[in-house]
Amino acid sequence: MILEKIKNINLSIKMVLGIVFLILVILWCVSIHDLDPCLDNTTPKLDKNFQPHSLGIDVSHYQGDINWSTVELSGINFAYVKATGGETYKDPKFDKNWYLLRTTKVHRGAYHFFFAHDNPKTQAEHFIKTIGELREYDLPPMLDIEVSDHKSYKIVEERALIWLQEVEKGTKRIPIIYTNSSFGSEVLTQEKFSRYPLWIAEYGKEIKEIPSPWKHSGWTIWQHSMKGKINGINGHVDLNRFYSDSGKLLRFIEESHTESITIRP
């Protein structure tokens, strides 16, 4: 009788442990899916999505105070933070985010929101002054261009190219362009833009259209969600994926330098 009771107790313990293990597995899968919903069988159709990839986020003051050490532990490889917009705006959280990212192994990058009605050289100077000197393993600057400000598409293109050229000259780094499929395909049509890697915003499991300057090279970073949940950040955050693994991410940073360097992992 005693032995039978002991066996029953052992069986109950095993069942409880099994249930706990199953719950932990489910929670782990859910957390991974939040980071990257494309790890399930509904893989996007573009070839680059079948390669291993690095995970990233982009933030601004809308995310409030961020615990970057916790973000790092969540599996995030890179992060872009908003620095400036137009000729005079500076994100109130930029200095704090920019500094704290230095204390982690998360690769950091800064971006500028472009207004076509403002002077592009003044915007570039404002951005360069705000971010200061980049470290060799910082990500290249990013130009966020998604509104025309009622300017002709020709003027938008001309002024965007001026900003890109000025920032490249001032930072000795080749900037990256962020835009969405529809705006990019309609407005950013000059082949000159192909010099600058494409960060495409397209929410869902498939990128439907690549703007013409990048038809051959494809996208480099894909913002696939704006409702991500990451430990260390309150509320939603944009989720991004670099087209390949962390080794290629370092190579991408190296190649963004206009003067040859070698970055050691």
Protein backbone atom coordinates (compact mmCIF):
# COMPACT_ATOMS: atom_id res chain seq x y z
CA MET A 1 0.00 0.00 0.00
CA ILE A 2 2.78 2.44 0.92
CA LEU A 3 4.74 1.54 -2.21
CA GLU A 4 1.63 2.07 -4.31
CA LYS A 5 1.10 5.52 -2.76
CA ILE A 6 4.74 6.42 -3.44
CA LYS A 7 4.36 5.33 -7.06
CA ASN A 8 1.23 7.45 -7.39
CA ILE A 9 3.03 10.45 -5.90
CA ASN A 10 5.96 9.99 -8.28
CA LEU A 11 3.55 9.72 -11.20
CA SER A 12 1.80 12.93 -10.13
CA ILE A 13 5.13 14.75 -9.82
CA LYS A 14 6.15 13.60 -13.31
CA MET A 15 2.83 14.81 -14.72
CA VAL A 16 3.22 18.21 -13.06
CA LEU A 17 6.80 18.53 -14.31
CA GLY A 18 5.67 17.53 -17.79
CA ILE A 19 2.96 20.19 -17.79
CA VAL A 20 5.39 22.83 -16.53
CA PHE A 21 7.89 21.86 -19.24
CA LEU A 22 5.18 22.07 -21.91
CA ILE A 23 4.15 25.55 -20.68
CA LEU A 24 7.77 26.74 -20.77
CA VAL A 25 8.18 25.47 -24.34
CA ILE A 26 4.99 27.25 -25.42
CA LEU A 27 6.11 30.50 -23.79
CA TRP A 28 9.51 30.23 -25.49
CA CYS A 29 7.90 29.68 -28.88
CA VAL A 30 5.60 32.65 -28.36
CA SER A 31 8.51 34.92 -27.41
CA ILE A 32 10.50 33.83 -30.48
CA HIS A 33 7.45 34.39 -32.68
CA ASP A 34 7.11 37.92 -31.31
CA LEU A 35 10.70 38.62 -32.29
CA ASP A 36 10.35 37.10 -35.71
CA PRO A 37 6.96 35.87 -36.94
CA CYS A 38 8.60 34.44 -40.04
CA LEU A 39 10.13 31.48 -38.19
CA ASP A 40 6.96 29.45 -38.84
CA ASN A 41 6.05 27.67 -42.07
CA THR A 42 4.58 30.79 -43.69
CA THR A 43 8.00 31.89 -44.93
CA PRO A 44 8.04 35.00 -47.14
CA LYS A 45 8.60 34.33 -50.81
CA LEU A 46 11.73 36.40 -51.39
CA ASP A 47 14.93 34.36 -51.68
CA LYS A 48 16.80 36.36 -49.04
CA ASN A 49 14.30 35.26 -46.41
CA PHE A 50 15.56 31.69 -46.58
CA GLN A 51 18.93 32.72 -45.15
CA PRO A 52 19.75 33.11 -41.44
CA HIS A 53 19.19 36.69 -40.41
CA SER A 54 19.96 39.21 -37.67
CA LEU A 55 17.10 40.81 -35.75
CA GLY A 56 16.80 44.53 -35.13
CA ILE A 57 14.54 47.31 -33.90
CA ASP A 58 14.17 51.04 -34.52
CA VAL A 59 13.07 53.43 -31.78
CA SER A 60 12.39 57.05 -30.94
CA HIS A 61 11.06 58.98 -27.95
CA TYR A 62 7.73 57.20 -28.46
CA GLN A 63 9.23 54.11 -26.77
CA GLY A 64 10.08 56.12 -23.65
CA ASP A 65 12.96 54.97 -21.44
CA ILE A 66 14.50 51.76 -22.74
CA ASN A 67 16.40 49.14 -20.76
CA TRP A 68 19.03 48.35 -23.38
CA SER A 69 20.69 45.60 -21.33
CA THR A 70 17.39 43.71 -21.29
CA VAL A 71 16.88 44.38 -25.00
CA GLU A 72 20.29 42.85 -25.68
CA LEU A 73 19.30 39.68 -23.79
CA SER A 74 16.16 39.45 -25.95
CA GLY A 75 18.27 38.48 -28.96
CA ILE A 76 18.36 41.85 -30.71
CA ASN A 77 21.48 42.29 -32.89
CA PHE A 78 21.05 45.89 -34.03
CA ALA A 79 19.06 49.01 -33.24
CA TYR A 80 18.49 52.30 -35.01
CA VAL A 81 17.51 55.32 -32.92
CA LYS A 82 15.92 58.51 -34.18
CA ALA A 83 18.33 61.43 -34.04
CA THR A 84 16.80 64.29 -36.01
CA GLY A 85 14.07 65.47 -38.35
CA GLY A 86 14.03 68.41 -40.73
CA GLU A 87 16.37 71.35 -40.10
CA THR A 88 16.06 71.75 -36.34
CA TYR A 89 14.26 68.84 -34.61
CA LYS A 90 16.22 66.56 -32.30
CA ASP A 91 14.61 63.52 -30.71
CA PRO A 92 14.51 64.14 -26.93
CA LYS A 93 15.60 60.55 -26.18
CA PHE A 94 18.43 60.42 -28.72
CA ASP A 95 21.36 61.30 -26.44
CA LYS A 96 20.30 58.79 -23.79
CA ASN A 97 19.61 55.97 -26.27
CA TRP A 98 22.81 56.67 -28.21
CA TYR A 99 24.94 56.60 -25.06
CA LEU A 100 23.34 53.56 -23.42
CA LEU A 101 23.65 51.48 -26.59
CA ARG A 102 27.42 51.85 -26.27
CA THR A 103 27.26 49.76 -23.10
CA THR A 104 25.82 46.75 -24.96
CA LYS A 105 26.85 44.53 -27.84
CA VAL A 106 23.88 45.69 -29.89
CA HIS A 107 25.10 47.48 -33.04
CA ARG A 108 23.74 51.00 -33.03
CA GLY A 109 22.68 53.28 -35.86
CA ALA A 110 21.08 56.73 -36.09
CA TYR A 111 18.42 57.98 -38.48
CA HIS A 112 17.02 61.26 -39.80
CA PHE A 113 13.41 61.91 -40.83
CA PHE A 114 13.51 63.79 -44.13
CA PHE A 115 11.30 66.78 -44.97
CA ALA A 116 11.44 67.71 -48.65
CA HIS A 117 10.33 71.29 -47.96
CA ASP A 118 13.44 71.92 -45.82
CA ASN A 119 16.94 72.65 -47.10
CA PRO A 120 18.68 69.25 -47.56
CA LYS A 121 22.17 70.57 -46.75
CA THR A 122 20.93 72.18 -43.55
CA GLN A 123 19.19 68.93 -42.63
CA ALA A 124 22.38 66.97 -43.28
CA GLU A 125 24.49 69.36 -41.21
CA HIS A 126 21.99 69.17 -38.35
CA PHE A 127 22.10 65.36 -38.41
CA ILE A 128 25.90 65.14 -38.56
CA LYS A 129 26.31 67.60 -35.71
CA THR A 130 23.79 65.71 -33.58
CA ILE A 131 25.26 62.21 -33.93
CA GLY A 132 28.91 63.27 -33.65
CA GLU A 133 31.74 61.03 -34.83
CA LEU A 134 30.67 57.47 -35.56
CA ARG A 135 32.58 54.52 -34.15
CA GLU A 136 33.95 52.12 -36.74
CA TYR A 137 31.43 49.41 -35.83
CA ASP A 138 28.38 51.70 -35.70
CA LEU A 139 25.80 51.10 -38.42
CA PRO A 140 25.69 53.52 -41.36
CA PRO A 141 23.38 56.56 -41.11
CA MET A 142 19.83 56.07 -42.30
CA LEU A 143 17.56 58.49 -44.19
CA ASP A 144 13.87 57.95 -43.45
CA ILE A 145 12.01 59.23 -46.50
CA GLU A 146 8.31 58.53 -46.78
CA VAL A 147 6.57 61.90 -47.34
CA SER A 148 6.78 64.37 -50.24
CA ASP A 149 5.58 67.48 -48.36
CA HIS A 150 3.58 68.46 -51.46
CA LYS A 151 6.78 68.79 -53.48
CA SER A 152 7.17 67.31 -56.93
CA TYR A 153 8.75 63.87 -57.06
CA LYS A 154 11.67 65.34 -58.98
CA ILE A 155 12.39 67.83 -56.19
CA VAL A 156 12.04 65.10 -53.53
CA GLU A 157 14.59 62.96 -55.37
CA GLU A 158 17.01 65.82 -55.94
CA ARG A 159 16.92 66.96 -52.31
CA ALA A 160 17.16 63.44 -50.93
CA LEU A 161 20.26 62.81 -53.04
CA ILE A 162 21.82 66.03 -51.73
CA TRP A 163 21.25 64.87 -48.13
CA LEU A 164 22.72 61.45 -48.88
CA GLN A 165 25.80 62.92 -50.56
CA GLU A 166 26.38 65.45 -47.79
CA VAL A 167 26.06 62.84 -45.04
CA GLU A 168 28.32 60.42 -46.88
CA LYS A 169 30.93 63.14 -47.21
CA GLY A 170 30.56 64.25 -43.58
CA THR A 171 30.60 60.80 -41.97
CA LYS A 172 32.68 58.85 -44.52
CA ARG A 173 29.90 56.27 -44.49
CA ILE A 174 27.46 55.27 -47.23
CA PRO A 175 23.96 55.94 -45.82
CA ILE A 176 21.02 53.58 -46.06
CA ILE A 177 17.55 54.57 -47.30
CA TYR A 178 14.37 53.67 -45.41
CA THR A 179 11.08 53.85 -47.30
CA ASN A 180 7.92 51.85 -47.89
CA SER A 181 7.11 49.92 -51.05
CA SER A 182 4.47 52.27 -52.43
CA PHE A 183 6.31 55.56 -51.80
CA GLY A 184 9.64 54.16 -52.93
CA SER A 185 8.22 52.68 -56.12
CA GLU A 186 6.41 55.90 -57.03
CA VAL A 187 8.94 58.53 -55.96
CA LEU A 188 12.45 57.06 -55.69
CA THR A 189 13.03 55.97 -59.26
CA GLN A 190 16.47 57.35 -60.17
CA GLU A 191 19.16 54.72 -60.60
CA LYS A 192 21.48 56.87 -58.43
CA PHE A 193 19.62 55.62 -55.36
CA SER A 194 20.93 52.09 -55.94
CA ARG A 195 24.24 53.18 -54.37
CA TYR A 196 22.46 53.34 -51.02
CA PRO A 197 21.21 50.04 -49.48
CA LEU A 198 17.45 49.68 -49.13
CA TRP A 199 15.57 49.35 -45.85
CA ILE A 200 12.04 48.47 -46.89
CA ALA A 201 8.91 48.82 -44.73
CA GLU A 202 6.34 46.20 -45.64
CA TYR A 203 4.14 44.68 -42.95
CA GLY A 204 3.16 41.07 -43.31
CA LYS A 205 4.80 37.90 -44.55
CA GLU A 206 5.78 39.05 -48.03
CA ILE A 207 7.35 42.06 -49.72
CA LYS A 208 5.14 42.71 -52.71
CA GLU A 209 7.28 45.19 -54.60
CA ILE A 210 10.89 46.39 -54.57
CA PRO A 211 11.41 49.98 -55.88
CA SER A 212 13.14 49.99 -59.27
CA PRO A 213 16.64 51.18 -58.20
CA TRP A 214 16.96 48.05 -56.02
CA LYS A 215 15.38 45.48 -58.33
CA HIS A 216 18.76 43.81 -58.81
CA SER A 217 20.29 44.12 -55.34
CA GLY A 218 17.07 43.67 -53.35
CA TRP A 219 16.44 44.80 -49.79
CA THR A 220 19.07 44.88 -47.05
CA ILE A 221 16.81 45.43 -44.03
CA TRP A 222 13.10 44.64 -43.85
CA GLN A 223 10.79 46.28 -41.32
CA HIS A 224 8.12 43.60 -41.14
CA SER A 225 6.11 44.69 -38.08
CA MET A 226 5.36 47.79 -36.05
CA LYS A 227 3.67 45.89 -33.23
CA GLY A 228 6.59 43.95 -31.81
CA LYS A 229 6.99 43.22 -28.11
CA ILE A 230 10.53 43.16 -26.76
CA ASN A 231 11.65 42.80 -23.15
CA GLY A 232 13.09 46.11 -21.96
CA ILE A 233 10.66 48.23 -23.99
CA ASN A 234 7.19 49.27 -22.86
CA GLY A 235 4.57 49.05 -25.58
CA HIS A 236 5.04 48.23 -29.24
CA VAL A 237 8.24 48.61 -31.23
CA ASP A 238 9.15 48.23 -34.92
CA LEU A 239 10.74 44.88 -35.78
CA ASN A 240 13.33 44.48 -38.52
CA ARG A 241 15.43 41.75 -40.04
CA PHE A 242 18.77 42.10 -41.75
CA TYR A 243 18.92 39.88 -44.82
CA SER A 244 21.62 37.60 -43.44
CA ASP A 245 23.48 36.55 -40.29
CA SER A 246 25.64 38.50 -37.82
CA GLY A 247 28.80 37.85 -39.84
CA LYS A 248 27.28 39.49 -42.90
CA LEU A 249 26.03 42.32 -40.69
CA LEU A 250 29.63 43.09 -39.73
CA ARG A 251 30.61 42.90 -43.40
CA PHE A 252 27.80 45.32 -44.23
CA ILE A 253 29.16 47.77 -41.65
CA GLU A 254 32.68 47.41 -43.08
CA GLU A 255 31.48 48.06 -46.62
CA SER A 256 29.59 51.18 -45.53
CA HIS A 257 32.94 52.87 -44.78
CA THR A 258 34.21 54.90 -47.73
CA GLU A 259 37.73 54.30 -46.43
CA SER A 260 38.79 50.64 -46.16
CA ILE A 261 38.77 49.10 -42.68
CA THR A 262 38.51 45.64 -41.10
CA ILE A 263 36.16 45.03 -38.17
CA ARG A 264 36.96 42.10 -35.93
CA PRO A 265 34.00 40.25 -34.36
